[in-house]
């Protein structure tokens, strides 16, 4: 038995479809919004840069020196021809001493 929706029965399907698309788009906009978390101070950062080098190979060599000393580190490449070596704040003083004595490859 067909449902009697009156004279505008041909609009029911498209209206429901548009409502669902609108709800989905609102949900996706909320879910993937670019809200940034509150900024922490520089002292509260998880990793601290200890050296900025122009070559990735030099940064990897410094990481090896730091690793031999028992210091955990990582690298990031924020720009072309620039590689930063990052360490945890508790290892910063020892890492700086090693970075200053590091001659590079």
PDB file of N, CA and C in Angstrom:
ATOM      1  N   UNK A   1       0.840  -1.159   0.000  1.00  0.00           N
ATOM      2  CA  UNK A   1       0.000   0.000   0.000  1.00  0.00           C
ATOM      3  C   UNK A   1       0.900   1.241   0.000  1.00  0.00           C
ATOM      4  N   UNK A   2       0.741   2.144  -0.950  1.00  0.00           N
ATOM      5  CA  UNK A   2       1.569   3.351  -1.034  1.00  0.00           C
ATOM      6  C   UNK A   2       1.222   4.349   0.072  1.00  0.00           C
ATOM      7  N   UNK A   3       2.241   5.113   0.467  1.00  0.00           N
ATOM      8  CA  UNK A   3       2.055   6.143   1.498  1.00  0.00           C
ATOM      9  C   UNK A   3       1.522   7.397   0.837  1.00  0.00           C
ATOM     10  N   UNK A   4       0.478   7.975   1.377  1.00  0.00           N
ATOM     11  CA  UNK A   4      -0.098   9.180   0.826  1.00  0.00           C
ATOM     12  C   UNK A   4       0.584  10.388   1.465  1.00  0.00           C
ATOM     13  N   UNK A   5       1.467  11.056   0.714  1.00  0.00           N
ATOM     14  CA  UNK A   5       2.194  12.216   1.227  1.00  0.00           C
ATOM     15  C   UNK A   5       1.635  13.496   0.658  1.00  0.00           C
ATOM     16  N   UNK A   6       0.510  13.452   0.044  1.00  0.00           N
ATOM     17  CA  UNK A   6      -0.089  14.644  -0.512  1.00  0.00           C
ATOM     18  C   UNK A   6       0.452  14.939  -1.891  1.00  0.00           C
ATOM     19  N   UNK A   7       0.270  16.159  -2.320  1.00  0.00           N
ATOM     20  CA  UNK A   7       0.671  16.524  -3.675  1.00  0.00           C
ATOM     21  C   UNK A   7       2.172  16.770  -3.810  1.00  0.00           C
ATOM     22  N   UNK A   8       2.910  16.866  -2.688  1.00  0.00           N
ATOM     23  CA  UNK A   8       4.352  17.119  -2.749  1.00  0.00           C
ATOM     24  C   UNK A   8       5.153  15.862  -2.451  1.00  0.00           C
ATOM     25  N   UNK A   9       4.577  14.692  -2.698  1.00  0.00           N
ATOM     26  CA  UNK A   9       5.238  13.437  -2.379  1.00  0.00           C
ATOM     27  C   UNK A   9       6.558  13.252  -3.120  1.00  0.00           C
ATOM     28  N   UNK A  10       6.714  13.899  -4.272  1.00  0.00           N
ATOM     29  CA  UNK A  10       7.949  13.762  -5.035  1.00  0.00           C
ATOM     30  C   UNK A  10       9.115  14.520  -4.387  1.00  0.00           C
ATOM     31  N   UNK A  11       8.847  15.386  -3.403  1.00  0.00           N
ATOM     32  CA  UNK A  11       9.902  16.154  -2.730  1.00  0.00           C
ATOM     33  C   UNK A  11      10.413  15.488  -1.451  1.00  0.00           C
ATOM     34  N   UNK A  12       9.729  14.480  -0.950  1.00  0.00           N
ATOM     35  CA  UNK A  12      10.093  13.864   0.324  1.00  0.00           C
ATOM     36  C   UNK A  12      11.490  13.245   0.255  1.00  0.00           C
ATOM     37  N   UNK A  13      11.788  12.470  -0.751  1.00  0.00           N
ATOM     38  CA  UNK A  13      13.095  11.817  -0.882  1.00  0.00           C
ATOM     39  C   UNK A  13      14.244  12.810  -0.992  1.00  0.00           C
ATOM     40  N   UNK A  14      14.178  13.775  -1.913  1.00  0.00           N
ATOM     41  CA  UNK A  14      15.265  14.749  -2.023  1.00  0.00           C
ATOM     42  C   UNK A  14      15.462  15.602  -0.766  1.00  0.00           C
ATOM     43  N   UNK A  15      14.379  15.949  -0.062  1.00  0.00           N
ATOM     44  CA  UNK A  15      14.496  16.740   1.163  1.00  0.00           C
ATOM     45  C   UNK A  15      15.212  15.937   2.245  1.00  0.00           C
ATOM     46  N   UNK A  16      14.857  14.662   2.378  1.00  0.00           N
ATOM     47  CA  UNK A  16      15.538  13.816   3.362  1.00  0.00           C
ATOM     48  C   UNK A  16      17.021  13.672   2.996  1.00  0.00           C
ATOM     49  N   UNK A  17      17.315  13.494   1.726  1.00  0.00           N
ATOM     50  CA  UNK A  17      18.701  13.361   1.283  1.00  0.00           C
ATOM     51  C   UNK A  17      19.497  14.640   1.573  1.00  0.00           C
ATOM     52  N   UNK A  18      18.916  15.799   1.297  1.00  0.00           N
ATOM     53  CA  UNK A  18      19.605  17.070   1.561  1.00  0.00           C
ATOM     54  C   UNK A  18      19.820  17.282   3.060  1.00  0.00           C
ATOM     55  N   UNK A  19      18.837  16.914   3.875  1.00  0.00           N
ATOM     56  CA  UNK A  19      18.999  17.030   5.324  1.00  0.00           C
ATOM     57  C   UNK A  19      20.138  16.140   5.825  1.00  0.00           C
ATOM     58  N   UNK A  20      20.220  14.923   5.316  1.00  0.00           N
ATOM     59  CA  UNK A  20      21.290  14.012   5.731  1.00  0.00           C
ATOM     60  C   UNK A  20      22.662  14.522   5.280  1.00  0.00           C
ATOM     61  N   UNK A  21      22.756  15.055   4.079  1.00  0.00           N
ATOM     62  CA  UNK A  21      24.023  15.621   3.601  1.00  0.00           C
ATOM     63  C   UNK A  21      24.420  16.813   4.462  1.00  0.00           C
ATOM     64  N   UNK A  22      23.450  17.650   4.812  1.00  0.00           N
ATOM     65  CA  UNK A  22      23.734  18.794   5.675  1.00  0.00           C
ATOM     66  C   UNK A  22      24.219  18.373   7.054  1.00  0.00           C
ATOM     67  N   UNK A  23      23.559  17.379   7.645  1.00  0.00           N
ATOM     68  CA  UNK A  23      23.984  16.884   8.949  1.00  0.00           C
ATOM     69  C   UNK A  23      25.379  16.261   8.887  1.00  0.00           C
ATOM     70  N   UNK A  24      25.644  15.501   7.844  1.00  0.00           N
ATOM     71  CA  UNK A  24      26.978  14.906   7.682  1.00  0.00           C
ATOM     72  C   UNK A  24      28.043  15.976   7.515  1.00  0.00           C
ATOM     73  N   UNK A  25      27.748  17.010   6.734  1.00  0.00           N
ATOM     74  CA  UNK A  25      28.743  18.066   6.529  1.00  0.00           C
ATOM     75  C   UNK A  25      28.994  18.853   7.815  1.00  0.00           C
ATOM     76  N   UNK A  26      27.959  19.095   8.612  1.00  0.00           N
ATOM     77  CA  UNK A  26      28.161  19.766   9.896  1.00  0.00           C
ATOM     78  C   UNK A  26      28.997  18.921  10.845  1.00  0.00           C
ATOM     79  N   UNK A  27      28.728  17.614  10.873  1.00  0.00           N
ATOM     80  CA  UNK A  27      29.513  16.730  11.721  1.00  0.00           C
ATOM     81  C   UNK A  27      30.976  16.695  11.268  1.00  0.00           C
ATOM     82  N   UNK A  28      31.216  16.574   9.972  1.00  0.00           N
ATOM     83  CA  UNK A  28      32.590  16.531   9.475  1.00  0.00           C
ATOM     84  C   UNK A  28      33.321  17.849   9.724  1.00  0.00           C
ATOM     85  N   UNK A  29      32.612  18.954   9.591  1.00  0.00           N
ATOM     86  CA  UNK A  29      33.245  20.252   9.874  1.00  0.00           C
ATOM     87  C   UNK A  29      33.655  20.338  11.340  1.00  0.00           C
ATOM     88  N   UNK A  30      32.804  19.845  12.218  1.00  0.00           N
ATOM     89  CA  UNK A  30      33.143  19.841  13.642  1.00  0.00           C
ATOM     90  C   UNK A  30      34.295  18.878  13.921  1.00  0.00           C
ATOM     91  N   UNK A  31      34.249  17.674  13.347  1.00  0.00           N
ATOM     92  CA  UNK A  31      35.247  16.650  13.638  1.00  0.00           C
ATOM     93  C   UNK A  31      36.631  17.015  13.112  1.00  0.00           C
ATOM     94  N   UNK A  32      36.712  17.668  11.978  1.00  0.00           N
ATOM     95  CA  UNK A  32      37.997  17.980  11.366  1.00  0.00           C
ATOM     96  C   UNK A  32      38.332  19.466  11.421  1.00  0.00           C
ATOM     97  N   UNK A  33      37.762  20.169  12.373  1.00  0.00           N
ATOM     98  CA  UNK A  33      38.072  21.594  12.494  1.00  0.00           C
ATOM     99  C   UNK A  33      39.525  21.767  12.906  1.00  0.00           C
ATOM    100  N   UNK A  34      40.090  22.896  12.593  1.00  0.00           N
ATOM    101  CA  UNK A  34      41.514  23.137  12.869  1.00  0.00           C
ATOM    102  C   UNK A  34      41.717  23.893  14.175  1.00  0.00           C
ATOM    103  N   UNK A  35      40.944  23.532  15.157  1.00  0.00           N
ATOM    104  CA  UNK A  35      41.147  24.135  16.472  1.00  0.00           C
ATOM    105  C   UNK A  35      42.480  23.668  17.016  1.00  0.00           C
ATOM    106  N   UNK A  36      43.268  24.582  17.517  1.00  0.00           N
ATOM    107  CA  UNK A  36      44.554  24.222  18.090  1.00  0.00           C
ATOM    108  C   UNK A  36      44.420  24.162  19.602  1.00  0.00           C
ATOM    109  N   UNK A  37      45.104  23.223  20.220  1.00  0.00           N
ATOM    110  CA  UNK A  37      45.044  23.153  21.679  1.00  0.00           C
ATOM    111  C   UNK A  37      45.724  24.370  22.299  1.00  0.00           C
ATOM    112  N   UNK A  38      45.430  24.674  23.529  1.00  0.00           N
ATOM    113  CA  UNK A  38      46.065  25.821  24.160  1.00  0.00           C
ATOM    114  C   UNK A  38      47.577  25.682  24.134  1.00  0.00           C
ATOM    115  N   UNK A  39      48.234  26.759  23.833  1.00  0.00           N
ATOM    116  CA  UNK A  39      49.685  26.759  23.715  1.00  0.00           C
ATOM    117  C   UNK A  39      50.336  26.655  25.077  1.00  0.00           C
ATOM    118  N   UNK A  40      51.350  25.791  25.151  1.00  0.00           N
ATOM    119  CA  UNK A  40      52.122  25.676  26.386  1.00  0.00           C
ATOM    120  C   UNK A  40      53.350  26.558  26.268  1.00  0.00           C
ATOM    121  N   UNK A  41      53.892  26.949  27.381  1.00  0.00           N
ATOM    122  CA  UNK A  41      55.094  27.766  27.380  1.00  0.00           C
ATOM    123  C   UNK A  41      56.281  26.985  26.865  1.00  0.00           C
ATOM    124  N   UNK A  42      57.350  27.683  26.513  1.00  0.00           N
ATOM    125  CA  UNK A  42      58.550  27.047  25.971  1.00  0.00           C
ATOM    126  C   UNK A  42      59.148  26.062  26.969  1.00  0.00           C
ATOM    127  N   UNK A  43      59.027  26.338  28.267  1.00  0.00           N
ATOM    128  CA  UNK A  43      59.592  25.447  29.277  1.00  0.00           C
ATOM    129  C   UNK A  43      58.826  24.134  29.386  1.00  0.00           C
ATOM    130  N   UNK A  44      57.588  24.112  28.909  1.00  0.00           N
ATOM    131  CA  UNK A  44      56.759  22.920  29.035  1.00  0.00           C
ATOM    132  C   UNK A  44      56.760  22.056  27.780  1.00  0.00           C
ATOM    133  N   UNK A  45      57.549  22.417  26.779  1.00  0.00           N
ATOM    134  CA  UNK A  45      57.589  21.640  25.546  1.00  0.00           C
ATOM    135  C   UNK A  45      58.117  20.250  25.839  1.00  0.00           C
ATOM    136  N   UNK A  46      57.668  19.275  25.093  1.00  0.00           N
ATOM    137  CA  UNK A  46      58.109  17.910  25.308  1.00  0.00           C
ATOM    138  C   UNK A  46      59.544  17.715  24.824  1.00  0.00           C
ATOM    139  N   UNK A  47      59.872  18.204  23.641  1.00  0.00           N
ATOM    140  CA  UNK A  47      61.224  18.094  23.107  1.00  0.00           C
ATOM    141  C   UNK A  47      61.805  19.485  22.899  1.00  0.00           C
ATOM    142  N   UNK A  48      63.114  19.589  23.113  1.00  0.00           N
ATOM    143  CA  UNK A  48      63.798  20.869  23.015  1.00  0.00           C
ATOM    144  C   UNK A  48      64.904  20.775  21.972  1.00  0.00           C
ATOM    145  N   UNK A  49      65.013  21.742  21.063  1.00  0.00           N
ATOM    146  CA  UNK A  49      66.092  21.699  20.080  1.00  0.00           C
ATOM    147  C   UNK A  49      67.446  21.909  20.742  1.00  0.00           C
ATOM    148  N   UNK A  50      68.398  21.086  20.357  1.00  0.00           N
ATOM    149  CA  UNK A  50      69.744  21.198  20.910  1.00  0.00           C
ATOM    150  C   UNK A  50      70.729  21.662  19.841  1.00  0.00           C
ATOM    151  N   UNK A  51      70.413  21.410  18.571  1.00  0.00           N
ATOM    152  CA  UNK A  51      71.287  21.836  17.476  1.00  0.00           C
ATOM    153  C   UNK A  51      70.472  21.963  16.201  1.00  0.00           C
ATOM    154  N   UNK A  52      70.892  22.868  15.333  1.00  0.00           N
ATOM    155  CA  UNK A  52      70.293  23.044  14.026  1.00  0.00           C
ATOM    156  C   UNK A  52      71.413  22.939  13.005  1.00  0.00           C
ATOM    157  N   UNK A  53      71.317  21.952  12.135  1.00  0.00           N
ATOM    158  CA  UNK A  53      72.394  21.669  11.188  1.00  0.00           C
ATOM    159  C   UNK A  53      71.889  21.809   9.763  1.00  0.00           C
ATOM    160  N   UNK A  54      72.794  22.054   8.836  1.00  0.00           N
ATOM    161  CA  UNK A  54      72.396  22.266   7.446  1.00  0.00           C
ATOM    162  C   UNK A  54      72.268  20.958   6.670  1.00  0.00           C
ATOM    163  N   UNK A  55      72.852  19.872   7.162  1.00  0.00           N
ATOM    164  CA  UNK A  55      72.801  18.601   6.452  1.00  0.00           C
ATOM    165  C   UNK A  55      72.167  17.524   7.327  1.00  0.00           C
ATOM    166  N   UNK A  56      71.334  16.716   6.712  1.00  0.00           N
ATOM    167  CA  UNK A  56      70.673  15.621   7.429  1.00  0.00           C
ATOM    168  C   UNK A  56      71.696  14.607   7.934  1.00  0.00           C
ATOM    169  N   UNK A  57      72.730  14.348   7.155  1.00  0.00           N
ATOM    170  CA  UNK A  57      73.747  13.383   7.550  1.00  0.00           C
ATOM    171  C   UNK A  57      74.459  13.826   8.828  1.00  0.00           C
ATOM    172  N   UNK A  58      74.714  15.113   8.958  1.00  0.00           N
ATOM    173  CA  UNK A  58      75.344  15.644  10.169  1.00  0.00           C
ATOM    174  C   UNK A  58      74.425  15.468  11.373  1.00  0.00           C
ATOM    175  N   UNK A  59      73.138  15.690  11.163  1.00  0.00           N
ATOM    176  CA  UNK A  59      72.177  15.527  12.256  1.00  0.00           C
ATOM    177  C   UNK A  59      72.102  14.063  12.682  1.00  0.00           C
ATOM    178  N   UNK A  60      72.134  13.149  11.723  1.00  0.00           N
ATOM    179  CA  UNK A  60      72.109  11.724  12.063  1.00  0.00           C
ATOM    180  C   UNK A  60      73.376  11.320  12.808  1.00  0.00           C
ATOM    181  N   UNK A  61      74.520  11.895  12.423  1.00  0.00           N
ATOM    182  CA  UNK A  61      75.768  11.604  13.123  1.00  0.00           C
ATOM    183  C   UNK A  61      75.725  12.129  14.559  1.00  0.00           C
ATOM    184  N   UNK A  62      75.164  13.327  14.756  1.00  0.00           N
ATOM    185  CA  UNK A  62      75.024  13.870  16.108  1.00  0.00           C
ATOM    186  C   UNK A  62      74.066  12.999  16.926  1.00  0.00           C
ATOM    187  N   UNK A  63      73.006  12.516  16.312  1.00  0.00           N
ATOM    188  CA  UNK A  63      72.090  11.605  17.014  1.00  0.00           C
ATOM    189  C   UNK A  63      72.811  10.354  17.476  1.00  0.00           C
ATOM    190  N   UNK A  64      73.722   9.854  16.646  1.00  0.00           N
ATOM    191  CA  UNK A  64      74.477   8.663  17.023  1.00  0.00           C
ATOM    192  C   UNK A  64      75.369   8.946  18.229  1.00  0.00           C
ATOM    193  N   UNK A  65      76.002  10.122  18.251  1.00  0.00           N
ATOM    194  CA  UNK A  65      76.839  10.512  19.390  1.00  0.00           C
ATOM    195  C   UNK A  65      75.994  10.620  20.654  1.00  0.00           C
ATOM    196  N   UNK A  66      74.825  11.248  20.525  1.00  0.00           N
ATOM    197  CA  UNK A  66      73.931  11.385  21.672  1.00  0.00           C
ATOM    198  C   UNK A  66      73.439  10.017  22.145  1.00  0.00           C
ATOM    199  N   UNK A  67      73.135   9.147  21.218  1.00  0.00           N
ATOM    200  CA  UNK A  67      72.680   7.803  21.571  1.00  0.00           C
ATOM    201  C   UNK A  67      73.767   7.025  22.306  1.00  0.00           C
ATOM    202  N   UNK A  68      75.018   7.166  21.870  1.00  0.00           N
ATOM    203  CA  UNK A  68      76.125   6.502  22.560  1.00  0.00           C
ATOM    204  C   UNK A  68      76.263   6.983  23.997  1.00  0.00           C
ATOM    205  N   UNK A  69      75.850   8.234  24.255  1.00  0.00           N
ATOM    206  CA  UNK A  69      75.912   8.796  25.608  1.00  0.00           C
ATOM    207  C   UNK A  69      74.645   8.483  26.407  1.00  0.00           C
ATOM    208  N   UNK A  70      73.708   7.745  25.802  1.00  0.00           N
ATOM    209  CA  UNK A  70      72.481   7.384  26.506  1.00  0.00           C
ATOM    210  C   UNK A  70      71.410   8.457  26.467  1.00  0.00           C
ATOM    211  N   UNK A  71      71.498   9.363  25.515  1.00  0.00           N
ATOM    212  CA  UNK A  71      70.531  10.455  25.392  1.00  0.00           C
ATOM    213  C   UNK A  71      69.600  10.155  24.226  1.00  0.00           C
ATOM    214  N   UNK A  72      68.303  10.115  24.501  1.00  0.00           N
ATOM    215  CA  UNK A  72      67.318   9.894  23.448  1.00  0.00           C
ATOM    216  C   UNK A  72      67.138  11.179  22.656  1.00  0.00           C
ATOM    217  N   UNK A  73      67.048  11.055  21.342  1.00  0.00           N
ATOM    218  CA  UNK A  73      66.894  12.232  20.496  1.00  0.00           C
ATOM    219  C   UNK A  73      66.133  11.876  19.235  1.00  0.00           C
ATOM    220  N   UNK A  74      65.716  12.903  18.519  1.00  0.00           N
ATOM    221  CA  UNK A  74      65.061  12.739  17.228  1.00  0.00           C
ATOM    222  C   UNK A  74      65.427  13.929  16.362  1.00  0.00           C
ATOM    223  N   UNK A  75      65.066  13.862  15.087  1.00  0.00           N
ATOM    224  CA  UNK A  75      65.340  14.983  14.188  1.00  0.00           C
ATOM    225  C   UNK A  75      64.043  15.436  13.541  1.00  0.00           C
ATOM    226  N   UNK A  76      64.037  16.687  13.104  1.00  0.00           N
ATOM    227  CA  UNK A  76      62.937  17.217  12.300  1.00  0.00           C
ATOM    228  C   UNK A  76      63.547  18.120  11.250  1.00  0.00           C
ATOM    229  N   UNK A  77      62.853  18.247  10.147  1.00  0.00           N
ATOM    230  CA  UNK A  77      63.328  19.076   9.045  1.00  0.00           C
ATOM    231  C   UNK A  77      62.297  20.164   8.772  1.00  0.00           C
ATOM    232  N   UNK A  78      62.383  21.298   9.483  1.00  0.00           N
ATOM    233  CA  UNK A  78      61.369  22.347   9.339  1.00  0.00           C
ATOM    234  C   UNK A  78      61.480  23.134   8.038  1.00  0.00           C
ATOM    235  N   UNK A  79      62.640  23.094   7.382  1.00  0.00           N
ATOM    236  CA  UNK A  79      62.831  23.830   6.133  1.00  0.00           C
ATOM    237  C   UNK A  79      63.887  23.109   5.306  1.00  0.00           C
ATOM    238  N   UNK A  80      63.985  23.509   4.057  1.00  0.00           N
ATOM    239  CA  UNK A  80      65.006  22.924   3.189  1.00  0.00           C
ATOM    240  C   UNK A  80      66.390  23.305   3.716  1.00  0.00           C
ATOM    241  N   UNK A  81      67.281  22.356   3.697  1.00  0.00           N
ATOM    242  CA  UNK A  81      68.665  22.558   4.138  1.00  0.00           C
ATOM    243  C   UNK A  81      68.755  22.950   5.610  1.00  0.00           C
ATOM    244  N   UNK A  82      67.829  22.447   6.409  1.00  0.00           N
ATOM    245  CA  UNK A  82      67.885  22.699   7.844  1.00  0.00           C
ATOM    246  C   UNK A  82      67.306  21.479   8.569  1.00  0.00           C
ATOM    247  N   UNK A  83      68.090  20.929   9.470  1.00  0.00           N
ATOM    248  CA  UNK A  83      67.658  19.781  10.254  1.00  0.00           C
ATOM    249  C   UNK A  83      67.928  20.074  11.723  1.00  0.00           C
ATOM    250  N   UNK A  84      66.900  19.952  12.547  1.00  0.00           N
ATOM    251  CA  UNK A  84      67.026  20.180  13.981  1.00  0.00           C
ATOM    252  C   UNK A  84      67.159  18.847  14.708  1.00  0.00           C
ATOM    253  N   UNK A  85      67.999  18.824  15.730  1.00  0.00           N
ATOM    254  CA  UNK A  85      68.118  17.667  16.611  1.00  0.00           C
ATOM    255  C   UNK A  85      67.426  18.048  17.913  1.00  0.00           C
ATOM    256  N   UNK A  86      66.484  17.207  18.354  1.00  0.00           N
ATOM    257  CA  UNK A  86      65.672  17.496  19.528  1.00  0.00           C
ATOM    258  C   UNK A  86      65.919  16.452  20.613  1.00  0.00           C
ATOM    259  N   UNK A  87      65.941  16.912  21.866  1.00  0.00           N
ATOM    260  CA  UNK A  87      66.126  16.013  23.008  1.00  0.00           C
ATOM    261  C   UNK A  87      65.095  16.365  24.076  1.00  0.00           C
ATOM    262  N   UNK A  88      64.962  15.487  25.061  1.00  0.00           N
ATOM    263  CA  UNK A  88      64.080  15.766  26.185  1.00  0.00           C
ATOM    264  C   UNK A  88      64.738  16.788  27.111  1.00  0.00           C
ATOM    265  N   UNK A  89      63.949  17.626  27.773  1.00  0.00           N
ATOM    266  CA  UNK A  89      64.510  18.700  28.608  1.00  0.00           C
ATOM    267  C   UNK A  89      65.466  18.205  29.689  1.00  0.00           C
ATOM    268  N   UNK A  90      65.240  17.032  30.257  1.00  0.00           N
ATOM    269  CA  UNK A  90      66.125  16.557  31.317  1.00  0.00           C
ATOM    270  C   UNK A  90      67.516  16.193  30.795  1.00  0.00           C
ATOM    271  N   UNK A  91      67.645  15.971  29.485  1.00  0.00           N
ATOM    272  CA  UNK A  91      68.943  15.641  28.891  1.00  0.00           C
ATOM    273  C   UNK A  91      69.585  16.831  28.182  1.00  0.00           C
ATOM    274  N   UNK A  92      68.969  17.993  28.266  1.00  0.00           N
ATOM    275  CA  UNK A  92      69.401  19.139  27.478  1.00  0.00           C
ATOM    276  C   UNK A  92      70.823  19.586  27.801  1.00  0.00           C
ATOM    277  N   UNK A  93      71.177  19.684  29.059  1.00  0.00           N
ATOM    278  CA  UNK A  93      72.514  20.174  29.416  1.00  0.00           C
ATOM    279  C   UNK A  93      73.610  19.243  28.898  1.00  0.00           C
ATOM    280  N   UNK A  94      73.453  17.952  29.111  1.00  0.00           N
ATOM    281  CA  UNK A  94      74.456  16.990  28.611  1.00  0.00           C
ATOM    282  C   UNK A  94      74.503  16.993  27.094  1.00  0.00           C
ATOM    283  N   UNK A  95      73.339  17.111  26.450  1.00  0.00           N
ATOM    284  CA  UNK A  95      73.292  17.105  24.986  1.00  0.00           C
ATOM    285  C   UNK A  95      73.966  18.348  24.411  1.00  0.00           C
ATOM    286  N   UNK A  96      73.813  19.488  25.060  1.00  0.00           N
ATOM    287  CA  UNK A  96      74.478  20.710  24.580  1.00  0.00           C
ATOM    288  C   UNK A  96      75.991  20.584  24.650  1.00  0.00           C
ATOM    289  N   UNK A  97      76.495  19.992  25.720  1.00  0.00           N
ATOM    290  CA  UNK A  97      77.936  19.792  25.851  1.00  0.00           C
ATOM    291  C   UNK A  97      78.446  18.909  24.719  1.00  0.00           C
ATOM    292  N   UNK A  98      77.732  17.827  24.442  1.00  0.00           N
ATOM    293  CA  UNK A  98      78.129  16.935  23.362  1.00  0.00           C
ATOM    294  C   UNK A  98      77.982  17.606  21.997  1.00  0.00           C
ATOM    295  N   UNK A  99      76.928  18.408  21.818  1.00  0.00           N
ATOM    296  CA  UNK A  99      76.718  19.085  20.535  1.00  0.00           C
ATOM    297  C   UNK A  99      77.815  20.115  20.284  1.00  0.00           C
ATOM    298  N   UNK A 100      78.256  20.803  21.329  1.00  0.00           N
ATOM    299  CA  UNK A 100      79.338  21.780  21.155  1.00  0.00           C
ATOM    300  C   UNK A 100      80.668  21.116  20.804  1.00  0.00           C
ATOM    301  N   UNK A 101      80.891  19.907  21.322  1.00  0.00           N
ATOM    302  CA  UNK A 101      82.131  19.217  21.013  1.00  0.00           C
ATOM    303  C   UNK A 101      82.028  18.380  19.732  1.00  0.00           C
ATOM    304  N   UNK A 102      80.831  18.355  19.127  1.00  0.00           N
ATOM    305  CA  UNK A 102      80.608  17.553  17.931  1.00  0.00           C
ATOM    306  C   UNK A 102      81.237  18.242  16.725  1.00  0.00           C
ATOM    307  N   UNK A 103      82.104  17.510  16.035  1.00  0.00           N
ATOM    308  CA  UNK A 103      82.765  18.069  14.860  1.00  0.00           C
ATOM    309  C   UNK A 103      82.016  17.805  13.574  1.00  0.00           C
ATOM    310  N   UNK A 104      81.153  16.814  13.574  1.00  0.00           N
ATOM    311  CA  UNK A 104      80.406  16.476  12.355  1.00  0.00           C
ATOM    312  C   UNK A 104      81.223  15.582  11.463  1.00  0.00           C
ATOM    313  N   UNK A 105      80.576  14.944  10.472  1.00  0.00           N
ATOM    314  CA  UNK A 105      81.293  14.046   9.559  1.00  0.00           C
ATOM    315  C   UNK A 105      82.097  14.808   8.532  1.00  0.00           C
TER     316      UNK A 105
END
